[in-house]
Amino acid sequence: MYLSPCGVKCKECPLAEKCGGTCHDLAGAPFYVKDFGLEVCPIYDCAVNKRGLETCATCDELPCQIYSDWRDPEMTDQAHLDSITERVKTLKASLVAR
């Protein structure tokens, strides 16, 4: 299973085919970041580019403000919170699986 830095299971993501690769393959620039006027996903940028981590799993600030701020505008507040909770759970589980 490939796990993105933010905890998305790429193979289970409904947008996986549209991305054209994993976050690491795309250097943190999946297709949708340009829609927000960005060059790279803020979570990827923080975890990988700035902190040198593979994922946010080992970050002491997980989940940080970036998780709250970086969201799909079509999601409800509750769906966004549920998404964060699920991704954090997935990231923490990835540490146990090692």
PDB file of N, CA and C in Angstrom:
ATOM      1  N   MET A   1       0.846  -1.186   0.000  1.00  0.00           N
ATOM      2  CA  MET A   1       0.000   0.000   0.000  1.00  0.00           C
ATOM      3  C   MET A   1       0.885   1.241   0.000  1.00  0.00           C
ATOM      4  N   TYR A   2       0.615   2.138  -0.899  1.00  0.00           N
ATOM      5  CA  TYR A   2       1.333   3.403  -0.903  1.00  0.00           C
ATOM      6  C   TYR A   2       0.561   4.405  -0.063  1.00  0.00           C
ATOM      7  N   LEU A   3       1.270   5.055   0.827  1.00  0.00           N
ATOM      8  CA  LEU A   3       0.668   6.037   1.713  1.00  0.00           C
ATOM      9  C   LEU A   3       1.278   7.401   1.410  1.00  0.00           C
ATOM     10  N   SER A   4       0.425   8.363   1.099  1.00  0.00           N
ATOM     11  CA  SER A   4       0.918   9.713   0.837  1.00  0.00           C
ATOM     12  C   SER A   4       1.392  10.342   2.144  1.00  0.00           C
ATOM     13  N   PRO A   5       2.169  11.415   2.086  1.00  0.00           N
ATOM     14  CA  PRO A   5       2.634  12.053   3.311  1.00  0.00           C
ATOM     15  C   PRO A   5       1.505  12.447   4.261  1.00  0.00           C
ATOM     16  N   CYS A   6       0.340  12.793   3.725  1.00  0.00           N
ATOM     17  CA  CYS A   6      -0.769  13.238   4.571  1.00  0.00           C
ATOM     18  C   CYS A   6      -1.641  12.095   5.083  1.00  0.00           C
ATOM     19  N   GLY A   7      -1.375  10.869   4.633  1.00  0.00           N
ATOM     20  CA  GLY A   7      -2.131   9.723   5.120  1.00  0.00           C
ATOM     21  C   GLY A   7      -3.186   9.199   4.176  1.00  0.00           C
ATOM     22  N   VAL A   8      -3.250   9.707   2.970  1.00  0.00           N
ATOM     23  CA  VAL A   8      -4.188   9.177   1.977  1.00  0.00           C
ATOM     24  C   VAL A   8      -3.608   7.880   1.421  1.00  0.00           C
ATOM     25  N   LYS A   9      -4.444   6.854   1.340  1.00  0.00           N
ATOM     26  CA  LYS A   9      -4.052   5.596   0.710  1.00  0.00           C
ATOM     27  C   LYS A   9      -4.309   5.791  -0.785  1.00  0.00           C
ATOM     28  N   CYS A  10      -3.264   6.052  -1.530  1.00  0.00           N
ATOM     29  CA  CYS A  10      -3.398   6.454  -2.929  1.00  0.00           C
ATOM     30  C   CYS A  10      -4.231   5.481  -3.767  1.00  0.00           C
ATOM     31  N   LYS A  11      -4.048   4.194  -3.577  1.00  0.00           N
ATOM     32  CA  LYS A  11      -4.793   3.215  -4.386  1.00  0.00           C
ATOM     33  C   LYS A  11      -6.288   3.234  -4.086  1.00  0.00           C
ATOM     34  N   GLU A  12      -6.671   3.759  -2.936  1.00  0.00           N
ATOM     35  CA  GLU A  12      -8.080   3.835  -2.571  1.00  0.00           C
ATOM     36  C   GLU A  12      -8.696   5.193  -2.908  1.00  0.00           C
ATOM     37  N   CYS A  13      -7.882   6.129  -3.327  1.00  0.00           N
ATOM     38  CA  CYS A  13      -8.366   7.483  -3.621  1.00  0.00           C
ATOM     39  C   CYS A  13      -9.124   7.494  -4.939  1.00  0.00           C
ATOM     40  N   PRO A  14     -10.309   8.100  -4.962  1.00  0.00           N
ATOM     41  CA  PRO A  14     -11.082   8.147  -6.209  1.00  0.00           C
ATOM     42  C   PRO A  14     -10.422   9.009  -7.293  1.00  0.00           C
ATOM     43  N   LEU A  15      -9.435   9.802  -6.934  1.00  0.00           N
ATOM     44  CA  LEU A  15      -8.755  10.665  -7.898  1.00  0.00           C
ATOM     45  C   LEU A  15      -7.414  10.092  -8.351  1.00  0.00           C
ATOM     46  N   ALA A  16      -7.090   8.879  -7.941  1.00  0.00           N
ATOM     47  CA  ALA A  16      -5.773   8.293  -8.208  1.00  0.00           C
ATOM     48  C   ALA A  16      -5.419   8.284  -9.689  1.00  0.00           C
ATOM     49  N   GLU A  17      -6.348   7.893 -10.527  1.00  0.00           N
ATOM     50  CA  GLU A  17      -6.058   7.839 -11.964  1.00  0.00           C
ATOM     51  C   GLU A  17      -5.787   9.226 -12.537  1.00  0.00           C
ATOM     52  N   LYS A  18      -6.476  10.202 -12.021  1.00  0.00           N
ATOM     53  CA  LYS A  18      -6.319  11.569 -12.507  1.00  0.00           C
ATOM     54  C   LYS A  18      -4.972  12.170 -12.102  1.00  0.00           C
ATOM     55  N   CYS A  19      -4.421  11.727 -10.983  1.00  0.00           N
ATOM     56  CA  CYS A  19      -3.150  12.268 -10.494  1.00  0.00           C
ATOM     57  C   CYS A  19      -1.984  11.906 -11.404  1.00  0.00           C
ATOM     58  N   GLY A  20      -1.964  10.685 -11.892  1.00  0.00           N
ATOM     59  CA  GLY A  20      -0.863  10.267 -12.745  1.00  0.00           C
ATOM     60  C   GLY A  20       0.358   9.794 -11.981  1.00  0.00           C
ATOM     61  N   GLY A  21       0.213   9.537 -10.707  1.00  0.00           N
ATOM     62  CA  GLY A  21       1.320   9.040  -9.900  1.00  0.00           C
ATOM     63  C   GLY A  21       1.091   9.339  -8.442  1.00  0.00           C
ATOM     64  N   THR A  22       2.029   8.919  -7.620  1.00  0.00           N
ATOM     65  CA  THR A  22       1.929   9.176  -6.188  1.00  0.00           C
ATOM     66  C   THR A  22       2.459  10.568  -5.880  1.00  0.00           C
ATOM     67  N   CYS A  23       2.247  11.026  -4.684  1.00  0.00           N
ATOM     68  CA  CYS A  23       2.763  12.340  -4.282  1.00  0.00           C
ATOM     69  C   CYS A  23       4.273  12.406  -4.456  1.00  0.00           C
ATOM     70  N   HIS A  24       4.953  11.328  -4.105  1.00  0.00           N
ATOM     71  CA  HIS A  24       6.408  11.322  -4.249  1.00  0.00           C
ATOM     72  C   HIS A  24       6.795  11.315  -5.731  1.00  0.00           C
ATOM     73  N   ASP A  25       6.056  10.588  -6.557  1.00  0.00           N
ATOM     74  CA  ASP A  25       6.325  10.583  -7.999  1.00  0.00           C
ATOM     75  C   ASP A  25       6.183  11.985  -8.584  1.00  0.00           C
ATOM     76  N   LEU A  26       5.221  12.726  -8.066  1.00  0.00           N
ATOM     77  CA  LEU A  26       4.876  14.047  -8.604  1.00  0.00           C
ATOM     78  C   LEU A  26       5.517  15.193  -7.826  1.00  0.00           C
ATOM     79  N   ALA A  27       6.427  14.866  -6.931  1.00  0.00           N
ATOM     80  CA  ALA A  27       7.103  15.871  -6.098  1.00  0.00           C
ATOM     81  C   ALA A  27       6.105  16.781  -5.386  1.00  0.00           C
ATOM     82  N   GLY A  28       5.012  16.179  -4.922  1.00  0.00           N
ATOM     83  CA  GLY A  28       4.023  16.917  -4.147  1.00  0.00           C
ATOM     84  C   GLY A  28       3.132  17.834  -4.956  1.00  0.00           C
ATOM     85  N   ALA A  29       3.052  17.591  -6.264  1.00  0.00           N
ATOM     86  CA  ALA A  29       2.245  18.469  -7.118  1.00  0.00           C
ATOM     87  C   ALA A  29       1.165  17.705  -7.880  1.00  0.00           C
ATOM     88  N   PRO A  30       0.200  17.102  -7.160  1.00  0.00           N
ATOM     89  CA  PRO A  30      -0.907  16.475  -7.872  1.00  0.00           C
ATOM     90  C   PRO A  30      -1.692  17.541  -8.634  1.00  0.00           C
ATOM     91  N   PHE A  31      -2.486  17.105  -9.573  1.00  0.00           N
ATOM     92  CA  PHE A  31      -3.169  18.011 -10.501  1.00  0.00           C
ATOM     93  C   PHE A  31      -3.935  19.150  -9.833  1.00  0.00           C
ATOM     94  N   TYR A  32      -4.495  18.919  -8.673  1.00  0.00           N
ATOM     95  CA  TYR A  32      -5.393  19.906  -8.074  1.00  0.00           C
ATOM     96  C   TYR A  32      -4.696  21.082  -7.381  1.00  0.00           C
ATOM     97  N   VAL A  33      -3.402  20.991  -7.083  1.00  0.00           N
ATOM     98  CA  VAL A  33      -2.763  22.097  -6.367  1.00  0.00           C
ATOM     99  C   VAL A  33      -2.744  23.384  -7.194  1.00  0.00           C
ATOM    100  N   LYS A  34      -2.644  23.242  -8.494  1.00  0.00           N
ATOM    101  CA  LYS A  34      -2.641  24.426  -9.362  1.00  0.00           C
ATOM    102  C   LYS A  34      -3.983  25.156  -9.315  1.00  0.00           C
ATOM    103  N   ASP A  35      -5.065  24.417  -9.036  1.00  0.00           N
ATOM    104  CA  ASP A  35      -6.396  25.035  -8.893  1.00  0.00           C
ATOM    105  C   ASP A  35      -6.426  26.012  -7.716  1.00  0.00           C
ATOM    106  N   PHE A  36      -5.500  25.852  -6.778  1.00  0.00           N
ATOM    107  CA  PHE A  36      -5.422  26.710  -5.603  1.00  0.00           C
ATOM    108  C   PHE A  36      -4.311  27.754  -5.734  1.00  0.00           C
ATOM    109  N   GLY A  37      -3.732  27.815  -6.931  1.00  0.00           N
ATOM    110  CA  GLY A  37      -2.667  28.787  -7.173  1.00  0.00           C
ATOM    111  C   GLY A  37      -1.343  28.407  -6.524  1.00  0.00           C
ATOM    112  N   LEU A  38      -1.151  27.111  -6.289  1.00  0.00           N
ATOM    113  CA  LEU A  38       0.060  26.627  -5.633  1.00  0.00           C
ATOM    114  C   LEU A  38       0.883  25.769  -6.583  1.00  0.00           C
ATOM    115  N   GLU A  39       2.141  25.619  -6.263  1.00  0.00           N
ATOM    116  CA  GLU A  39       3.032  24.754  -7.040  1.00  0.00           C
ATOM    117  C   GLU A  39       3.151  23.362  -6.417  1.00  0.00           C
ATOM    118  N   VAL A  40       2.974  23.301  -5.089  1.00  0.00           N
ATOM    119  CA  VAL A  40       3.136  22.043  -4.367  1.00  0.00           C
ATOM    120  C   VAL A  40       2.127  21.992  -3.216  1.00  0.00           C
ATOM    121  N   CYS A  41       1.698  20.798  -2.869  1.00  0.00           N
ATOM    122  CA  CYS A  41       0.775  20.600  -1.747  1.00  0.00           C
ATOM    123  C   CYS A  41       1.439  21.091  -0.464  1.00  0.00           C
ATOM    124  N   PRO A  42       0.740  21.889   0.332  1.00  0.00           N
ATOM    125  CA  PRO A  42       1.340  22.410   1.570  1.00  0.00           C
ATOM    126  C   PRO A  42       1.744  21.331   2.567  1.00  0.00           C
ATOM    127  N   ILE A  43       1.002  20.239   2.626  1.00  0.00           N
ATOM    128  CA  ILE A  43       1.355  19.157   3.552  1.00  0.00           C
ATOM    129  C   ILE A  43       2.627  18.466   3.073  1.00  0.00           C
ATOM    130  N   TYR A  44       2.700  18.162   1.793  1.00  0.00           N
ATOM    131  CA  TYR A  44       3.895  17.555   1.220  1.00  0.00           C
ATOM    132  C   TYR A  44       5.095  18.478   1.429  1.00  0.00           C
ATOM    133  N   ASP A  45       4.915  19.754   1.144  1.00  0.00           N
ATOM    134  CA  ASP A  45       5.995  20.716   1.263  1.00  0.00           C
ATOM    135  C   ASP A  45       6.557  20.739   2.688  1.00  0.00           C
ATOM    136  N   CYS A  46       5.672  20.763   3.660  1.00  0.00           N
ATOM    137  CA  CYS A  46       6.095  20.794   5.059  1.00  0.00           C
ATOM    138  C   CYS A  46       6.783  19.486   5.451  1.00  0.00           C
ATOM    139  N   ALA A  47       6.119  18.365   5.196  1.00  0.00           N
ATOM    140  CA  ALA A  47       6.645  17.070   5.642  1.00  0.00           C
ATOM    141  C   ALA A  47       7.913  16.660   4.902  1.00  0.00           C
ATOM    142  N   VAL A  48       7.854  16.677   3.602  1.00  0.00           N
ATOM    143  CA  VAL A  48       8.947  16.133   2.800  1.00  0.00           C
ATOM    144  C   VAL A  48      10.034  17.170   2.522  1.00  0.00           C
ATOM    145  N   ASN A  49       9.632  18.304   1.977  1.00  0.00           N
ATOM    146  CA  ASN A  49      10.626  19.304   1.572  1.00  0.00           C
ATOM    147  C   ASN A  49      11.287  20.019   2.752  1.00  0.00           C
ATOM    148  N   LYS A  50      10.501  20.380   3.743  1.00  0.00           N
ATOM    149  CA  LYS A  50      11.054  21.159   4.860  1.00  0.00           C
ATOM    150  C   LYS A  50      11.573  20.306   6.011  1.00  0.00           C
ATOM    151  N   ARG A  51      10.883  19.185   6.297  1.00  0.00           N
ATOM    152  CA  ARG A  51      11.270  18.375   7.463  1.00  0.00           C
ATOM    153  C   ARG A  51      12.004  17.085   7.106  1.00  0.00           C
ATOM    154  N   GLY A  52      12.020  16.740   5.811  1.00  0.00           N
ATOM    155  CA  GLY A  52      12.718  15.540   5.381  1.00  0.00           C
ATOM    156  C   GLY A  52      12.057  14.236   5.800  1.00  0.00           C
ATOM    157  N   LEU A  53      10.759  14.260   6.012  1.00  0.00           N
ATOM    158  CA  LEU A  53      10.013  13.072   6.421  1.00  0.00           C
ATOM    159  C   LEU A  53       9.407  12.386   5.198  1.00  0.00           C
ATOM    160  N   GLU A  54       9.132  11.107   5.315  1.00  0.00           N
ATOM    161  CA  GLU A  54       8.434  10.393   4.248  1.00  0.00           C
ATOM    162  C   GLU A  54       6.936  10.658   4.339  1.00  0.00           C
ATOM    163  N   THR A  55       6.430  10.682   5.583  1.00  0.00           N
ATOM    164  CA  THR A  55       5.026  11.006   5.852  1.00  0.00           C
ATOM    165  C   THR A  55       4.968  11.855   7.119  1.00  0.00           C
ATOM    166  N   CYS A  56       3.789  12.315   7.440  1.00  0.00           N
ATOM    167  CA  CYS A  56       3.586  13.106   8.658  1.00  0.00           C
ATOM    168  C   CYS A  56       3.499  12.232   9.915  1.00  0.00           C
ATOM    169  N   ALA A  57       3.579  10.921   9.758  1.00  0.00           N
ATOM    170  CA  ALA A  57       3.380   9.991  10.867  1.00  0.00           C
ATOM    171  C   ALA A  57       4.261  10.275  12.069  1.00  0.00           C
ATOM    172  N   THR A  58       5.485  10.694  11.847  1.00  0.00           N
ATOM    173  CA  THR A  58       6.415  10.913  12.961  1.00  0.00           C
ATOM    174  C   THR A  58       6.502  12.372  13.395  1.00  0.00           C
ATOM    175  N   CYS A  59       5.690  13.212  12.819  1.00  0.00           N
ATOM    176  CA  CYS A  59       5.713  14.635  13.176  1.00  0.00           C
ATOM    177  C   CYS A  59       4.978  14.850  14.507  1.00  0.00           C
ATOM    178  N   ASP A  60       5.613  15.572  15.407  1.00  0.00           N
ATOM    179  CA  ASP A  60       5.014  15.845  16.723  1.00  0.00           C
ATOM    180  C   ASP A  60       3.777  16.735  16.631  1.00  0.00           C
ATOM    181  N   GLU A  61       3.612  17.428  15.534  1.00  0.00           N
ATOM    182  CA  GLU A  61       2.491  18.359  15.386  1.00  0.00           C
ATOM    183  C   GLU A  61       1.275  17.747  14.675  1.00  0.00           C
ATOM    184  N   LEU A  62       1.316  16.467  14.363  1.00  0.00           N
ATOM    185  CA  LEU A  62       0.220  15.799  13.653  1.00  0.00           C
ATOM    186  C   LEU A  62      -1.027  15.722  14.513  1.00  0.00           C
ATOM    187  N   PRO A  63      -2.171  16.135  14.031  1.00  0.00           N
ATOM    188  CA  PRO A  63      -2.428  16.900  12.809  1.00  0.00           C
ATOM    189  C   PRO A  63      -2.226  18.392  13.090  1.00  0.00           C
ATOM    190  N   CYS A  64      -1.587  19.049  12.185  1.00  0.00           N
ATOM    191  CA  CYS A  64      -1.283  20.467  12.375  1.00  0.00           C
ATOM    192  C   CYS A  64      -2.324  21.362  11.698  1.00  0.00           C
ATOM    193  N   GLN A  65      -2.104  22.631  11.779  1.00  0.00           N
ATOM    194  CA  GLN A  65      -3.027  23.609  11.197  1.00  0.00           C
ATOM    195  C   GLN A  65      -3.150  23.447   9.680  1.00  0.00           C
ATOM    196  N   ILE A  66      -2.083  22.974   9.041  1.00  0.00           N
ATOM    197  CA  ILE A  66      -2.143  22.776   7.587  1.00  0.00           C
ATOM    198  C   ILE A  66      -3.263  21.805   7.244  1.00  0.00           C
ATOM    199  N   TYR A  67      -3.434  20.766   8.049  1.00  0.00           N
ATOM    200  CA  TYR A  67      -4.513  19.790   7.802  1.00  0.00           C
ATOM    201  C   TYR A  67      -5.873  20.480   7.846  1.00  0.00           C
ATOM    202  N   SER A  68      -6.048  21.375   8.786  1.00  0.00           N
ATOM    203  CA  SER A  68      -7.326  22.089   8.901  1.00  0.00           C
ATOM    204  C   SER A  68      -7.532  23.055   7.746  1.00  0.00           C
ATOM    205  N   ASP A  69      -6.462  23.736   7.366  1.00  0.00           N
ATOM    206  CA  ASP A  69      -6.563  24.757   6.321  1.00  0.00           C
ATOM    207  C   ASP A  69      -6.649  24.189   4.918  1.00  0.00           C
ATOM    208  N   TRP A  70      -5.966  23.074   4.654  1.00  0.00           N
ATOM    209  CA  TRP A  70      -5.881  22.498   3.312  1.00  0.00           C
ATOM    210  C   TRP A  70      -7.001  21.492   3.142  1.00  0.00           C
ATOM    211  N   ARG A  71      -8.050  21.919   2.445  1.00  0.00           N
ATOM    212  CA  ARG A  71      -9.222  21.055   2.331  1.00  0.00           C
ATOM    213  C   ARG A  71      -9.907  21.215   0.995  1.00  0.00           C
ATOM    214  N   ASP A  72     -10.645  20.200   0.656  1.00  0.00           N
ATOM    215  CA  ASP A  72     -11.476  20.217  -0.540  1.00  0.00           C
ATOM    216  C   ASP A  72     -12.659  21.125  -0.242  1.00  0.00           C
ATOM    217  N   PRO A  73     -12.827  22.210  -0.995  1.00  0.00           N
ATOM    218  CA  PRO A  73     -13.918  23.143  -0.713  1.00  0.00           C
ATOM    219  C   PRO A  73     -15.309  22.536  -0.891  1.00  0.00           C
ATOM    220  N   GLU A  74     -15.389  21.390  -1.537  1.00  0.00           N
ATOM    221  CA  GLU A  74     -16.678  20.724  -1.717  1.00  0.00           C
ATOM    222  C   GLU A  74     -17.059  19.851  -0.520  1.00  0.00           C
ATOM    223  N   MET A  75     -16.133  19.667   0.414  1.00  0.00           N
ATOM    224  CA  MET A  75     -16.412  18.854   1.606  1.00  0.00           C
ATOM    225  C   MET A  75     -17.136  19.675   2.657  1.00  0.00           C
ATOM    226  N   THR A  76     -18.020  19.019   3.377  1.00  0.00           N
ATOM    227  CA  THR A  76     -18.644  19.674   4.522  1.00  0.00           C
ATOM    228  C   THR A  76     -17.597  19.750   5.639  1.00  0.00           C
ATOM    229  N   ASP A  77     -17.867  20.582   6.636  1.00  0.00           N
ATOM    230  CA  ASP A  77     -16.955  20.676   7.774  1.00  0.00           C
ATOM    231  C   ASP A  77     -16.767  19.322   8.435  1.00  0.00           C
ATOM    232  N   GLN A  78     -17.868  18.584   8.615  1.00  0.00           N
ATOM    233  CA  GLN A  78     -17.789  17.279   9.267  1.00  0.00           C
ATOM    234  C   GLN A  78     -17.016  16.281   8.417  1.00  0.00           C
ATOM    235  N   ALA A  79     -17.242  16.271   7.129  1.00  0.00           N
ATOM    236  CA  ALA A  79     -16.512  15.357   6.248  1.00  0.00           C
ATOM    237  C   ALA A  79     -15.018  15.662   6.281  1.00  0.00           C
ATOM    238  N   HIS A  80     -14.685  16.937   6.344  1.00  0.00           N
ATOM    239  CA  HIS A  80     -13.269  17.322   6.419  1.00  0.00           C
ATOM    240  C   HIS A  80     -12.650  16.841   7.734  1.00  0.00           C
ATOM    241  N   LEU A  81     -13.330  17.039   8.844  1.00  0.00           N
ATOM    242  CA  LEU A  81     -12.832  16.564  10.142  1.00  0.00           C
ATOM    243  C   LEU A  81     -12.693  15.045  10.158  1.00  0.00           C
ATOM    244  N   ASP A  82     -13.681  14.356   9.576  1.00  0.00           N
ATOM    245  CA  ASP A  82     -13.624  12.894   9.503  1.00  0.00           C
ATOM    246  C   ASP A  82     -12.427  12.445   8.667  1.00  0.00           C
ATOM    247  N   SER A  83     -12.154  13.172   7.584  1.00  0.00           N
ATOM    248  CA  SER A  83     -11.019  12.854   6.723  1.00  0.00           C
ATOM    249  C   SER A  83      -9.703  13.002   7.485  1.00  0.00           C
ATOM    250  N   ILE A  84      -9.579  14.062   8.240  1.00  0.00           N
ATOM    251  CA  ILE A  84      -8.364  14.273   9.031  1.00  0.00           C
ATOM    252  C   ILE A  84      -8.197  13.148  10.048  1.00  0.00           C
ATOM    253  N   THR A  85      -9.274  12.818  10.756  1.00  0.00           N
ATOM    254  CA  THR A  85      -9.233  11.752  11.758  1.00  0.00           C
ATOM    255  C   THR A  85      -8.799  10.433  11.135  1.00  0.00           C
ATOM    256  N   GLU A  86      -9.350  10.101   9.987  1.00  0.00           N
ATOM    257  CA  GLU A  86      -9.024   8.848   9.312  1.00  0.00           C
ATOM    258  C   GLU A  86      -7.571   8.836   8.833  1.00  0.00           C
ATOM    259  N   ARG A  87      -7.108   9.941   8.272  1.00  0.00           N
ATOM    260  CA  ARG A  87      -5.723   9.997   7.787  1.00  0.00           C
ATOM    261  C   ARG A  87      -4.728   9.908   8.935  1.00  0.00           C
ATOM    262  N   VAL A  88      -5.020  10.561  10.054  1.00  0.00           N
ATOM    263  CA  VAL A  88      -4.132  10.478  11.225  1.00  0.00           C
ATOM    264  C   VAL A  88      -4.098   9.042  11.743  1.00  0.00           C
ATOM    265  N   LYS A  89      -5.243   8.404  11.807  1.00  0.00           N
ATOM    266  CA  LYS A  89      -5.313   7.011  12.256  1.00  0.00           C
ATOM    267  C   LYS A  89      -4.477   6.118  11.328  1.00  0.00           C
ATOM    268  N   THR A  90      -4.583   6.327  10.035  1.00  0.00           N
ATOM    269  CA  THR A  90      -3.826   5.565   9.061  1.00  0.00           C
ATOM    270  C   THR A  90      -2.322   5.790   9.232  1.00  0.00           C
ATOM    271  N   LEU A  91      -1.929   7.042   9.433  1.00  0.00           N
ATOM    272  CA  LEU A  91      -0.517   7.360   9.622  1.00  0.00           C
ATOM    273  C   LEU A  91       0.033   6.701  10.884  1.00  0.00           C
ATOM    274  N   LYS A  92      -0.704   6.790  11.981  1.00  0.00           N
ATOM    275  CA  LYS A  92      -0.263   6.176  13.237  1.00  0.00           C
ATOM    276  C   LYS A  92      -0.159   4.657  13.098  1.00  0.00           C
ATOM    277  N   ALA A  93      -1.124   4.050  12.395  1.00  0.00           N
ATOM    278  CA  ALA A  93      -1.098   2.597  12.167  1.00  0.00           C
ATOM    279  C   ALA A  93       0.114   2.198  11.329  1.00  0.00           C
ATOM    280  N   SER A  94       0.542   3.075  10.432  1.00  0.00           N
ATOM    281  CA  SER A  94       1.705   2.757   9.594  1.00  0.00           C
ATOM    282  C   SER A  94       2.976   2.647  10.441  1.00  0.00           C
ATOM    283  N   LEU A  95       3.025   3.341  11.549  1.00  0.00           N
ATOM    284  CA  LEU A  95       4.178   3.246  12.436  1.00  0.00           C
ATOM    285  C   LEU A  95       4.213   1.909  13.153  1.00  0.00           C
ATOM    286  N   VAL A  96       3.056   1.420  13.540  1.00  0.00           N
ATOM    287  CA  VAL A  96       2.949   0.144  14.247  1.00  0.00           C
ATOM    288  C   VAL A  96       3.295  -1.001  13.289  1.00  0.00           C
ATOM    289  N   ALA A  97       2.922  -0.874  12.022  1.00  0.00           N
ATOM    290  CA  ALA A  97       3.140  -1.926  11.033  1.00  0.00           C
ATOM    291  C   ALA A  97       4.618  -2.112  10.674  1.00  0.00           C
ATOM    292  N   ARG A  98       5.434  -1.160  11.014  1.00  0.00           N
ATOM    293  CA  ARG A  98       6.871  -1.262  10.635  1.00  0.00           C
ATOM    294  C   ARG A  98       7.596  -2.254  11.439  1.00  0.00           C
TER     295      ARG A  98
END
